[in-house]
């Protein structure tokens, strides 16, 4: 795909972000759209956010579960970039009026204390470079109408990044078994879903290894201080104003999120 088309689609997605008006699936308009071109569109979208004053603060891994991979017709995860405008901390209400069709995922985030330069990164390297892990919520949001996405659409749309919220409990990942740690997700105090870390690429550390090496082959390092969202361990939860979600990870602690306002 030529650069003019890449920029046009990236700008469309950025305008959709600003206006909160979803656009038609890109793959419907460009049937030959490939994965590499989708990532180039993503880069344009992120560049527009950075030009507007945001900074890149981390990365996210998407499509980690078999169910989502089957839905998108792929056999590996994808990735997106986190910016400063997406970040919330536990205790802050998350406004929905800046989003279009948000859904919540519960997962574990890694916060780095050292750079990681792939390829060749191992699980031991990830553990060494991690400052701490923390329970978190990612609010995914699609700028594509009615979530009618294939893998090319979600990659171009920055892996459907919306916003994310980090909890307050912190541990080094060697202080618990992230693969076996159970996760309980509650919605307004009632059980909604359960999972274990192994549902994410066999374990969250494995997912971070995959991303470090994938980005390394593209010449993109992990930087100290970055937040890495390791992939959803829960099913998607619709975001409803006034509702509260709580995820608890065995041995790590819990994280709560409350929604305010209404999505567009």
Protein backbone atom coordinates (compact mmCIF):
# COMPACT_ATOMS: atom_id res chain seq x y z
CA UNK A 1 0.00 0.00 0.00
CA UNK A 2 1.36 3.43 -0.87
CA UNK A 3 2.24 5.99 1.79
CA UNK A 4 -0.61 8.29 0.83
CA UNK A 5 -3.17 5.54 1.53
CA UNK A 6 -1.42 4.60 4.78
CA UNK A 7 -1.60 8.19 5.99
CA UNK A 8 -5.21 8.58 4.88
CA UNK A 9 -6.42 5.58 6.86
CA UNK A 10 -4.33 6.53 9.89
CA UNK A 11 -5.81 10.01 9.79
CA UNK A 12 -9.33 8.57 9.46
CA UNK A 13 -8.80 6.54 12.61
CA UNK A 14 -7.38 9.55 14.44
CA UNK A 15 -10.37 11.66 13.42
CA UNK A 16 -12.67 8.86 14.61
CA UNK A 17 -10.88 8.98 17.96
CA UNK A 18 -11.43 12.73 18.26
CA UNK A 19 -15.02 12.82 17.01
CA UNK A 20 -16.04 9.49 18.60
CA UNK A 21 -17.61 8.46 15.30
CA UNK A 22 -16.73 4.96 14.12
CA UNK A 23 -15.70 4.30 10.53
CA UNK A 24 -16.31 1.42 8.12
CA UNK A 25 -13.94 -1.57 8.37
CA UNK A 26 -10.72 -0.96 6.48
CA UNK A 27 -10.58 -4.50 5.15
CA UNK A 28 -13.93 -4.02 3.44
CA UNK A 29 -12.49 -1.08 1.53
CA UNK A 30 -9.01 -2.55 1.01
CA UNK A 31 -9.42 -6.33 0.58
CA UNK A 32 -5.67 -6.72 -0.01
CA UNK A 33 -4.72 -4.90 3.19
CA UNK A 34 -1.91 -6.89 4.80
CA UNK A 35 -0.62 -7.15 8.35
CA UNK A 36 2.48 -5.06 7.65
CA UNK A 37 0.41 -2.27 6.11
CA UNK A 38 -1.97 -2.41 9.08
CA UNK A 39 0.95 -1.78 11.42
CA UNK A 40 2.05 1.13 9.25
CA UNK A 41 -1.43 2.61 9.60
CA UNK A 42 -1.18 2.08 13.36
CA UNK A 43 2.13 3.98 13.38
CA UNK A 44 0.47 6.89 11.63
CA UNK A 45 -2.39 6.91 14.15
CA UNK A 46 0.02 6.88 17.09
CA UNK A 47 2.18 9.56 15.46
CA UNK A 48 -0.88 11.83 15.26
CA UNK A 49 -1.46 11.37 18.98
CA UNK A 50 2.17 12.12 19.77
CA UNK A 51 2.10 15.21 17.55
CA UNK A 52 -0.89 16.41 19.58
CA UNK A 53 1.14 16.25 22.81
CA UNK A 54 0.90 12.68 24.07
CA UNK A 55 3.87 10.41 24.73
CA UNK A 56 4.28 6.67 24.24
CA UNK A 57 4.35 5.08 27.71
CA UNK A 58 4.14 1.38 26.93
CA UNK A 59 2.81 -1.45 24.81
CA UNK A 60 -0.14 -3.83 24.87
CA UNK A 61 -0.55 -7.37 23.67
CA UNK A 62 -3.87 -8.29 22.09
CA UNK A 63 -5.53 -11.41 20.70
CA UNK A 64 -3.77 -13.65 23.22
CA UNK A 65 -6.63 -16.09 23.78
CA UNK A 66 -7.55 -18.89 21.39
CA UNK A 67 -11.16 -17.66 21.27
CA UNK A 68 -10.17 -14.19 20.05
CA UNK A 69 -7.60 -15.58 17.63
CA UNK A 70 -10.24 -17.85 16.11
CA UNK A 71 -12.61 -14.88 15.83
CA UNK A 72 -10.00 -12.83 13.99
CA UNK A 73 -8.70 -15.73 11.92
CA UNK A 74 -5.11 -15.59 13.19
CA UNK A 75 -2.76 -17.82 15.12
CA UNK A 76 -0.64 -15.27 16.96
CA UNK A 77 -1.20 -12.17 19.09
CA UNK A 78 -0.99 -8.58 17.90
CA UNK A 79 0.24 -5.44 19.63
CA UNK A 80 -0.52 -1.78 20.12
CA UNK A 81 1.11 1.22 21.74
CA UNK A 82 0.01 2.89 24.97
CA UNK A 83 0.07 6.67 25.20
CA UNK A 84 -0.08 9.03 28.15
CA UNK A 85 -3.64 10.02 27.24
CA UNK A 86 -4.84 6.47 27.94
CA UNK A 87 -3.54 6.13 31.50
CA UNK A 88 -5.65 6.05 34.69
CA UNK A 89 -4.87 4.96 38.24
CA UNK A 90 -7.08 3.11 40.67
CA UNK A 91 -9.35 5.54 42.49
CA UNK A 92 -10.04 7.63 39.43
CA UNK A 93 -13.41 7.25 37.73
CA UNK A 94 -12.93 6.34 34.10
CA UNK A 95 -15.10 8.57 31.86
CA UNK A 96 -16.84 6.80 29.02
CA UNK A 97 -17.81 9.92 27.10
CA UNK A 98 -14.46 9.93 25.30
CA UNK A 99 -15.00 6.40 23.99
CA UNK A 100 -17.26 4.85 21.37
CA UNK A 101 -18.06 1.21 22.21
CA UNK A 102 -15.88 0.31 25.21
CA UNK A 103 -15.45 -3.11 26.78
CA UNK A 104 -13.33 -4.02 29.79
CA UNK A 105 -10.69 -6.73 30.11
CA UNK A 106 -8.92 -7.77 33.31
CA UNK A 107 -5.23 -8.60 33.09
CA UNK A 108 -1.78 -8.21 34.62
CA UNK A 109 0.55 -5.35 33.69
CA UNK A 110 4.34 -5.40 33.84
CA UNK A 111 6.20 -2.19 34.68
CA UNK A 112 9.82 -2.24 33.57
CA UNK A 113 12.94 -0.99 35.34
CA UNK A 114 15.36 -1.82 32.53
CA UNK A 115 15.37 -1.63 28.75
CA UNK A 116 14.80 -4.82 26.76
CA UNK A 117 16.12 -5.13 23.22
CA UNK A 118 14.88 -8.15 21.26
CA UNK A 119 15.12 -10.46 19.50
CA UNK A 120 16.60 -13.22 21.66
CA UNK A 121 14.72 -12.20 24.82
CA UNK A 122 13.94 -15.04 27.26
CA UNK A 123 11.56 -15.35 30.21
CA UNK A 124 14.54 -14.81 32.53
CA UNK A 125 15.32 -11.54 30.73
CA UNK A 126 11.74 -10.31 31.21
CA UNK A 127 11.79 -11.16 34.92
CA UNK A 128 15.14 -9.39 35.34
CA UNK A 129 13.91 -6.27 33.55
CA UNK A 130 10.58 -6.06 35.42
CA UNK A 131 10.22 -3.70 38.37
CA UNK A 132 6.81 -5.06 39.39
CA UNK A 133 3.54 -6.52 38.17
CA UNK A 134 0.15 -5.07 38.99
CA UNK A 135 -3.49 -6.09 38.37
CA UNK A 136 -5.12 -3.82 35.85
CA UNK A 137 -8.02 -3.19 33.50
CA UNK A 138 -7.75 -2.39 29.85
CA UNK A 139 -10.76 -0.73 28.27
CA UNK A 140 -10.67 -1.74 24.64
CA UNK A 141 -12.54 0.42 22.18
CA UNK A 142 -12.95 0.08 18.44
CA UNK A 143 -13.06 2.97 16.02
CA UNK A 144 -14.51 0.43 13.55
CA UNK A 145 -18.31 0.32 13.28
CA UNK A 146 -20.01 -2.27 15.50
CA UNK A 147 -16.73 -4.09 16.22
CA UNK A 148 -16.82 -5.56 12.70
CA UNK A 149 -13.10 -6.25 12.80
CA UNK A 150 -10.65 -8.68 11.33
CA UNK A 151 -7.04 -8.75 12.42
CA UNK A 152 -6.01 -6.03 9.94
CA UNK A 153 -8.70 -3.67 11.25
CA UNK A 154 -7.77 -4.03 14.92
CA UNK A 155 -4.03 -3.74 14.25
CA UNK A 156 -4.53 -0.55 12.22
CA UNK A 157 -6.72 0.76 15.05
CA UNK A 158 -3.80 0.42 17.49
CA UNK A 159 -4.98 -3.03 18.64
CA UNK A 160 -8.30 -1.45 19.67
CA UNK A 161 -6.68 0.47 22.53
CA UNK A 162 -9.01 2.62 24.56
CA UNK A 163 -7.69 3.42 28.04
CA UNK A 164 -6.18 1.43 30.89
CA UNK A 165 -6.16 1.60 34.68
CA UNK A 166 -3.43 0.23 36.95
CA UNK A 167 -4.12 -1.10 40.44
CA UNK A 168 -2.11 -0.19 43.51
CA UNK A 169 -0.83 -3.59 44.67
CA UNK A 170 2.64 -4.34 43.39
CA UNK A 171 4.88 -7.41 43.51
CA UNK A 172 7.91 -8.64 41.66
CA UNK A 173 6.79 -11.43 39.32
CA UNK A 174 9.09 -13.95 41.05
CA UNK A 175 7.02 -13.53 44.22
CA UNK A 176 4.06 -15.46 42.76
CA UNK A 177 3.31 -18.01 40.08
CA UNK A 178 1.65 -15.90 37.40
CA UNK A 179 0.78 -18.96 35.33
CA UNK A 180 -1.22 -20.64 38.10
CA UNK A 181 -2.54 -17.52 39.83
CA UNK A 182 -6.30 -17.46 39.56
CA UNK A 183 -8.20 -14.33 38.59
CA UNK A 184 -11.71 -13.54 39.79
CA UNK A 185 -13.67 -10.79 38.03
CA UNK A 186 -16.66 -9.25 39.79
CA UNK A 187 -19.26 -6.89 38.37
CA UNK A 188 -21.02 -4.77 40.98
CA UNK A 189 -19.97 -7.27 43.64
CA UNK A 190 -21.23 -10.35 41.79
CA UNK A 191 -19.05 -13.01 40.19
CA UNK A 192 -18.70 -12.44 36.45
CA UNK A 193 -15.76 -14.57 35.32
CA UNK A 194 -12.77 -16.62 36.50
CA UNK A 195 -9.51 -17.43 34.77
CA UNK A 196 -5.85 -18.25 35.31
CA UNK A 197 -2.68 -16.69 33.96
CA UNK A 198 -1.97 -19.72 31.78
CA UNK A 199 -4.89 -18.64 29.56
CA UNK A 200 -2.58 -15.94 28.17
CA UNK A 201 -0.04 -17.63 25.88
CA UNK A 202 0.61 -20.24 28.56
CA UNK A 203 1.46 -17.44 31.01
CA UNK A 204 1.80 -13.64 31.07
CA UNK A 205 5.59 -13.73 31.01
CA UNK A 206 5.47 -15.74 27.78
CA UNK A 207 3.28 -13.05 26.23
CA UNK A 208 5.76 -10.33 27.18
CA UNK A 209 8.62 -12.43 25.76
CA UNK A 210 6.74 -12.76 22.47
CA UNK A 211 6.17 -9.03 22.25
CA UNK A 212 9.75 -8.10 23.17
CA UNK A 213 11.08 -10.34 20.41
CA UNK A 214 8.45 -9.30 17.87
CA UNK A 215 9.19 -5.62 18.44
CA UNK A 216 12.92 -6.30 18.49
CA UNK A 217 12.76 -7.62 14.96
CA UNK A 218 11.13 -4.32 14.01
CA UNK A 219 13.83 -2.31 15.76
CA UNK A 220 11.54 -1.23 18.61
CA UNK A 221 12.87 -1.77 22.17
CA UNK A 222 11.08 -1.86 25.50
CA UNK A 223 12.17 1.11 27.62
CA UNK A 224 12.64 1.34 31.37
CA UNK A 225 9.48 2.73 32.95
CA UNK A 226 7.17 1.41 30.25
CA UNK A 227 3.92 -0.36 31.06
CA UNK A 228 3.34 -3.65 29.24
CA UNK A 229 -0.22 -5.01 29.26
CA UNK A 230 0.21 -8.78 28.98
CA UNK A 231 -3.20 -9.71 27.57
CA UNK A 232 -6.71 -10.28 28.81
CA UNK A 233 -7.42 -13.11 31.21
CA UNK A 234 -11.14 -12.37 31.31
CA UNK A 235 -14.01 -12.27 28.90
CA UNK A 236 -15.06 -8.85 27.63
CA UNK A 237 -17.35 -6.86 29.91
CA UNK A 238 -19.59 -4.06 28.59
CA UNK A 239 -18.76 -0.73 30.27
CA UNK A 240 -21.84 0.80 31.91
CA UNK A 241 -21.92 4.21 33.66
CA UNK A 242 -22.01 3.87 37.44
CA UNK A 243 -20.96 0.23 37.45
CA UNK A 244 -17.86 -1.05 39.22
CA UNK A 245 -15.62 -3.93 38.22
CA UNK A 246 -13.10 -5.62 40.46
CA UNK A 247 -10.47 -8.15 39.49
CA UNK A 248 -8.55 -10.15 42.08
CA UNK A 249 -5.38 -12.08 41.25
CA UNK A 250 -4.34 -14.80 43.68
CA UNK A 251 -1.17 -13.79 45.51
CA UNK A 252 -1.07 -10.35 43.92
CA UNK A 253 -4.14 -8.44 45.06
CA UNK A 254 -7.06 -6.68 43.48
CA UNK A 255 -7.93 -3.72 41.31
CA UNK A 256 -11.24 -1.85 40.96
CA UNK A 257 -12.57 0.41 38.24
CA UNK A 258 -15.69 2.59 38.18
CA UNK A 259 -17.21 4.11 35.06
CA UNK A 260 -18.63 7.60 34.71
CA UNK A 261 -20.47 9.34 31.88
CA UNK A 262 -21.71 7.50 28.81
CA UNK A 263 -20.01 6.33 25.65
CA UNK A 264 -20.90 7.95 22.36
